[in-house]
Amino acid sequence: MDNISNAILAISLIIIMFGMGLSLEIKDFVRIFSKPKAILIGR
């Protein structure tokens, strides 16, 4: 892949991850801290 393709891929991934982060709410973080074992085992 050339440099332009790599740049487009990176920018697309940044936009997607930013959009997913915007959808998080406080209850999502509370759930993570109340059950940290689920994070460690990849659930």
PDB file of N, CA and C in Angstrom:
ATOM      1  N   MET A   1       0.836  -1.180   0.000  1.00  0.00           N
ATOM      2  CA  MET A   1       0.000   0.000   0.000  1.00  0.00           C
ATOM      3  C   MET A   1       0.880   1.243   0.000  1.00  0.00           C
ATOM      4  N   ASP A   2       0.420   2.243  -0.656  1.00  0.00           N
ATOM      5  CA  ASP A   2       1.209   3.460  -0.723  1.00  0.00           C
ATOM      6  C   ASP A   2       0.866   4.395   0.437  1.00  0.00           C
ATOM      7  N   ASN A   3       1.543   5.506   0.486  1.00  0.00           N
ATOM      8  CA  ASN A   3       1.378   6.445   1.606  1.00  0.00           C
ATOM      9  C   ASN A   3      -0.017   7.045   1.675  1.00  0.00           C
ATOM     10  N   ILE A   4      -0.620   7.298   0.528  1.00  0.00           N
ATOM     11  CA  ILE A   4      -1.964   7.874   0.519  1.00  0.00           C
ATOM     12  C   ILE A   4      -2.974   6.889   1.099  1.00  0.00           C
ATOM     13  N   SER A   5      -2.855   5.623   0.735  1.00  0.00           N
ATOM     14  CA  SER A   5      -3.750   4.597   1.276  1.00  0.00           C
ATOM     15  C   SER A   5      -3.570   4.464   2.783  1.00  0.00           C
ATOM     16  N   ASN A   6      -2.339   4.502   3.240  1.00  0.00           N
ATOM     17  CA  ASN A   6      -2.083   4.415   4.673  1.00  0.00           C
ATOM     18  C   ASN A   6      -2.681   5.599   5.418  1.00  0.00           C
ATOM     19  N   ALA A   7      -2.576   6.782   4.848  1.00  0.00           N
ATOM     20  CA  ALA A   7      -3.135   7.974   5.482  1.00  0.00           C
ATOM     21  C   ALA A   7      -4.658   7.894   5.537  1.00  0.00           C
ATOM     22  N   ILE A   8      -5.274   7.470   4.462  1.00  0.00           N
ATOM     23  CA  ILE A   8      -6.735   7.343   4.431  1.00  0.00           C
ATOM     24  C   ILE A   8      -7.202   6.300   5.440  1.00  0.00           C
ATOM     25  N   LEU A   9      -6.493   5.190   5.527  1.00  0.00           N
ATOM     26  CA  LEU A   9      -6.835   4.147   6.492  1.00  0.00           C
ATOM     27  C   LEU A   9      -6.713   4.664   7.921  1.00  0.00           C
ATOM     28  N   ALA A  10      -5.649   5.373   8.224  1.00  0.00           N
ATOM     29  CA  ALA A  10      -5.444   5.902   9.567  1.00  0.00           C
ATOM     30  C   ALA A  10      -6.504   6.936   9.926  1.00  0.00           C
ATOM     31  N   ILE A  11      -6.806   7.833   9.023  1.00  0.00           N
ATOM     32  CA  ILE A  11      -7.818   8.854   9.286  1.00  0.00           C
ATOM     33  C   ILE A  11      -9.195   8.212   9.463  1.00  0.00           C
ATOM     34  N   SER A  12      -9.509   7.217   8.672  1.00  0.00           N
ATOM     35  CA  SER A  12     -10.790   6.514   8.803  1.00  0.00           C
ATOM     36  C   SER A  12     -10.902   5.844  10.162  1.00  0.00           C
ATOM     37  N   LEU A  13      -9.844   5.206  10.589  1.00  0.00           N
ATOM     38  CA  LEU A  13      -9.845   4.539  11.886  1.00  0.00           C
ATOM     39  C   LEU A  13      -9.995   5.548  13.022  1.00  0.00           C
ATOM     40  N   ILE A  14      -9.338   6.685  12.913  1.00  0.00           N
ATOM     41  CA  ILE A  14      -9.462   7.737  13.928  1.00  0.00           C
ATOM     42  C   ILE A  14     -10.908   8.219  14.019  1.00  0.00           C
ATOM     43  N   ILE A  15     -11.541   8.446  12.899  1.00  0.00           N
ATOM     44  CA  ILE A  15     -12.923   8.933  12.884  1.00  0.00           C
ATOM     45  C   ILE A  15     -13.870   7.895  13.478  1.00  0.00           C
ATOM     46  N   ILE A  16     -13.683   6.634  13.121  1.00  0.00           N
ATOM     47  CA  ILE A  16     -14.540   5.569  13.643  1.00  0.00           C
ATOM     48  C   ILE A  16     -14.388   5.435  15.151  1.00  0.00           C
ATOM     49  N   MET A  17     -13.146   5.417  15.627  1.00  0.00           N
ATOM     50  CA  MET A  17     -12.914   5.259  17.061  1.00  0.00           C
ATOM     51  C   MET A  17     -13.430   6.473  17.842  1.00  0.00           C
ATOM     52  N   PHE A  18     -13.276   7.661  17.292  1.00  0.00           N
ATOM     53  CA  PHE A  18     -13.789   8.871  17.935  1.00  0.00           C
ATOM     54  C   PHE A  18     -15.307   8.801  18.041  1.00  0.00           C
ATOM     55  N   GLY A  19     -15.962   8.368  16.983  1.00  0.00           N
ATOM     56  CA  GLY A  19     -17.418   8.221  16.994  1.00  0.00           C
ATOM     57  C   GLY A  19     -17.885   7.201  18.016  1.00  0.00           C
ATOM     58  N   MET A  20     -17.160   6.113  18.139  1.00  0.00           N
ATOM     59  CA  MET A  20     -17.519   5.107  19.143  1.00  0.00           C
ATOM     60  C   MET A  20     -17.328   5.658  20.548  1.00  0.00           C
ATOM     61  N   GLY A  21     -16.286   6.436  20.750  1.00  0.00           N
ATOM     62  CA  GLY A  21     -16.038   7.032  22.056  1.00  0.00           C
ATOM     63  C   GLY A  21     -17.114   8.026  22.451  1.00  0.00           C
ATOM     64  N   LEU A  22     -17.659   8.727  21.480  1.00  0.00           N
ATOM     65  CA  LEU A  22     -18.715   9.693  21.776  1.00  0.00           C
ATOM     66  C   LEU A  22     -19.998   9.021  22.247  1.00  0.00           C
ATOM     67  N   SER A  23     -20.174   7.751  21.926  1.00  0.00           N
ATOM     68  CA  SER A  23     -21.398   7.054  22.309  1.00  0.00           C
ATOM     69  C   SER A  23     -21.338   6.484  23.727  1.00  0.00           C
ATOM     70  N   LEU A  24     -20.174   6.574  24.379  1.00  0.00           N
ATOM     71  CA  LEU A  24     -20.052   6.062  25.738  1.00  0.00           C
ATOM     72  C   LEU A  24     -20.793   6.953  26.726  1.00  0.00           C
ATOM     73  N   GLU A  25     -21.333   6.311  27.753  1.00  0.00           N
ATOM     74  CA  GLU A  25     -22.040   7.040  28.801  1.00  0.00           C
ATOM     75  C   GLU A  25     -21.421   6.696  30.148  1.00  0.00           C
ATOM     76  N   ILE A  26     -21.820   7.413  31.180  1.00  0.00           N
ATOM     77  CA  ILE A  26     -21.291   7.197  32.522  1.00  0.00           C
ATOM     78  C   ILE A  26     -21.554   5.768  32.985  1.00  0.00           C
ATOM     79  N   LYS A  27     -22.723   5.224  32.665  1.00  0.00           N
ATOM     80  CA  LYS A  27     -23.054   3.872  33.120  1.00  0.00           C
ATOM     81  C   LYS A  27     -22.099   2.830  32.523  1.00  0.00           C
ATOM     82  N   ASP A  28     -21.539   3.102  31.360  1.00  0.00           N
ATOM     83  CA  ASP A  28     -20.562   2.182  30.766  1.00  0.00           C
ATOM     84  C   ASP A  28     -19.301   2.109  31.625  1.00  0.00           C
ATOM     85  N   PHE A  29     -18.849   3.246  32.106  1.00  0.00           N
ATOM     86  CA  PHE A  29     -17.654   3.276  32.952  1.00  0.00           C
ATOM     87  C   PHE A  29     -17.927   2.668  34.324  1.00  0.00           C
ATOM     88  N   VAL A  30     -19.122   2.903  34.848  1.00  0.00           N
ATOM     89  CA  VAL A  30     -19.491   2.308  36.142  1.00  0.00           C
ATOM     90  C   VAL A  30     -19.481   0.790  36.029  1.00  0.00           C
ATOM     91  N   ARG A  31     -19.995   0.268  34.939  1.00  0.00           N
ATOM     92  CA  ARG A  31     -20.020  -1.180  34.718  1.00  0.00           C
ATOM     93  C   ARG A  31     -18.607  -1.748  34.632  1.00  0.00           C
ATOM     94  N   ILE A  32     -17.702  -1.024  33.997  1.00  0.00           N
ATOM     95  CA  ILE A  32     -16.314  -1.492  33.884  1.00  0.00           C
ATOM     96  C   ILE A  32     -15.656  -1.567  35.251  1.00  0.00           C
ATOM     97  N   PHE A  33     -15.857  -0.529  36.077  1.00  0.00           N
ATOM     98  CA  PHE A  33     -15.206  -0.505  37.386  1.00  0.00           C
ATOM     99  C   PHE A  33     -15.864  -1.443  38.390  1.00  0.00           C
ATOM    100  N   SER A  34     -17.132  -1.774  38.184  1.00  0.00           N
ATOM    101  CA  SER A  34     -17.791  -2.688  39.109  1.00  0.00           C
ATOM    102  C   SER A  34     -17.462  -4.142  38.794  1.00  0.00           C
ATOM    103  N   LYS A  35     -17.113  -4.442  37.541  1.00  0.00           N
ATOM    104  CA  LYS A  35     -16.750  -5.803  37.141  1.00  0.00           C
ATOM    105  C   LYS A  35     -15.448  -5.802  36.326  1.00  0.00           C
ATOM    106  N   PRO A  36     -14.319  -5.526  36.951  1.00  0.00           N
ATOM    107  CA  PRO A  36     -13.057  -5.445  36.199  1.00  0.00           C
ATOM    108  C   PRO A  36     -12.585  -6.803  35.663  1.00  0.00           C
ATOM    109  N   LYS A  37     -13.061  -7.887  36.269  1.00  0.00           N
ATOM    110  CA  LYS A  37     -12.652  -9.230  35.822  1.00  0.00           C
ATOM    111  C   LYS A  37     -13.074  -9.475  34.367  1.00  0.00           C
ATOM    112  N   ALA A  38     -14.228  -8.957  33.986  1.00  0.00           N
ATOM    113  CA  ALA A  38     -14.717  -9.150  32.623  1.00  0.00           C
ATOM    114  C   ALA A  38     -13.768  -8.519  31.606  1.00  0.00           C
ATOM    115  N   ILE A  39     -13.160  -7.401  31.948  1.00  0.00           N
ATOM    116  CA  ILE A  39     -12.202  -6.748  31.064  1.00  0.00           C
ATOM    117  C   ILE A  39     -10.951  -7.596  30.919  1.00  0.00           C
ATOM    118  N   LEU A  40     -10.501  -8.140  32.033  1.00  0.00           N
ATOM    119  CA  LEU A  40      -9.255  -8.913  32.030  1.00  0.00           C
ATOM    120  C   LEU A  40      -9.369 -10.204  31.224  1.00  0.00           C
ATOM    121  N   ILE A  41     -10.542 -10.812  31.215  1.00  0.00           N
ATOM    122  CA  ILE A  41     -10.693 -12.070  30.475  1.00  0.00           C
ATOM    123  C   ILE A  41     -11.221 -11.827  29.051  1.00  0.00           C
ATOM    124  N   GLY A  42     -11.470 -10.567  28.718  1.00  0.00           N
ATOM    125  CA  GLY A  42     -11.852 -10.212  27.347  1.00  0.00           C
ATOM    126  C   GLY A  42     -13.306 -10.415  27.036  1.00  0.00           C
ATOM    127  N   ARG A  43     -14.144 -10.257  28.015  1.00  0.00           N
ATOM    128  CA  ARG A  43     -15.563 -10.460  27.796  1.00  0.00           C
ATOM    129  C   ARG A  43     -16.274  -9.225  27.447  1.00  0.00           C
TER     130      ARG A  43
END
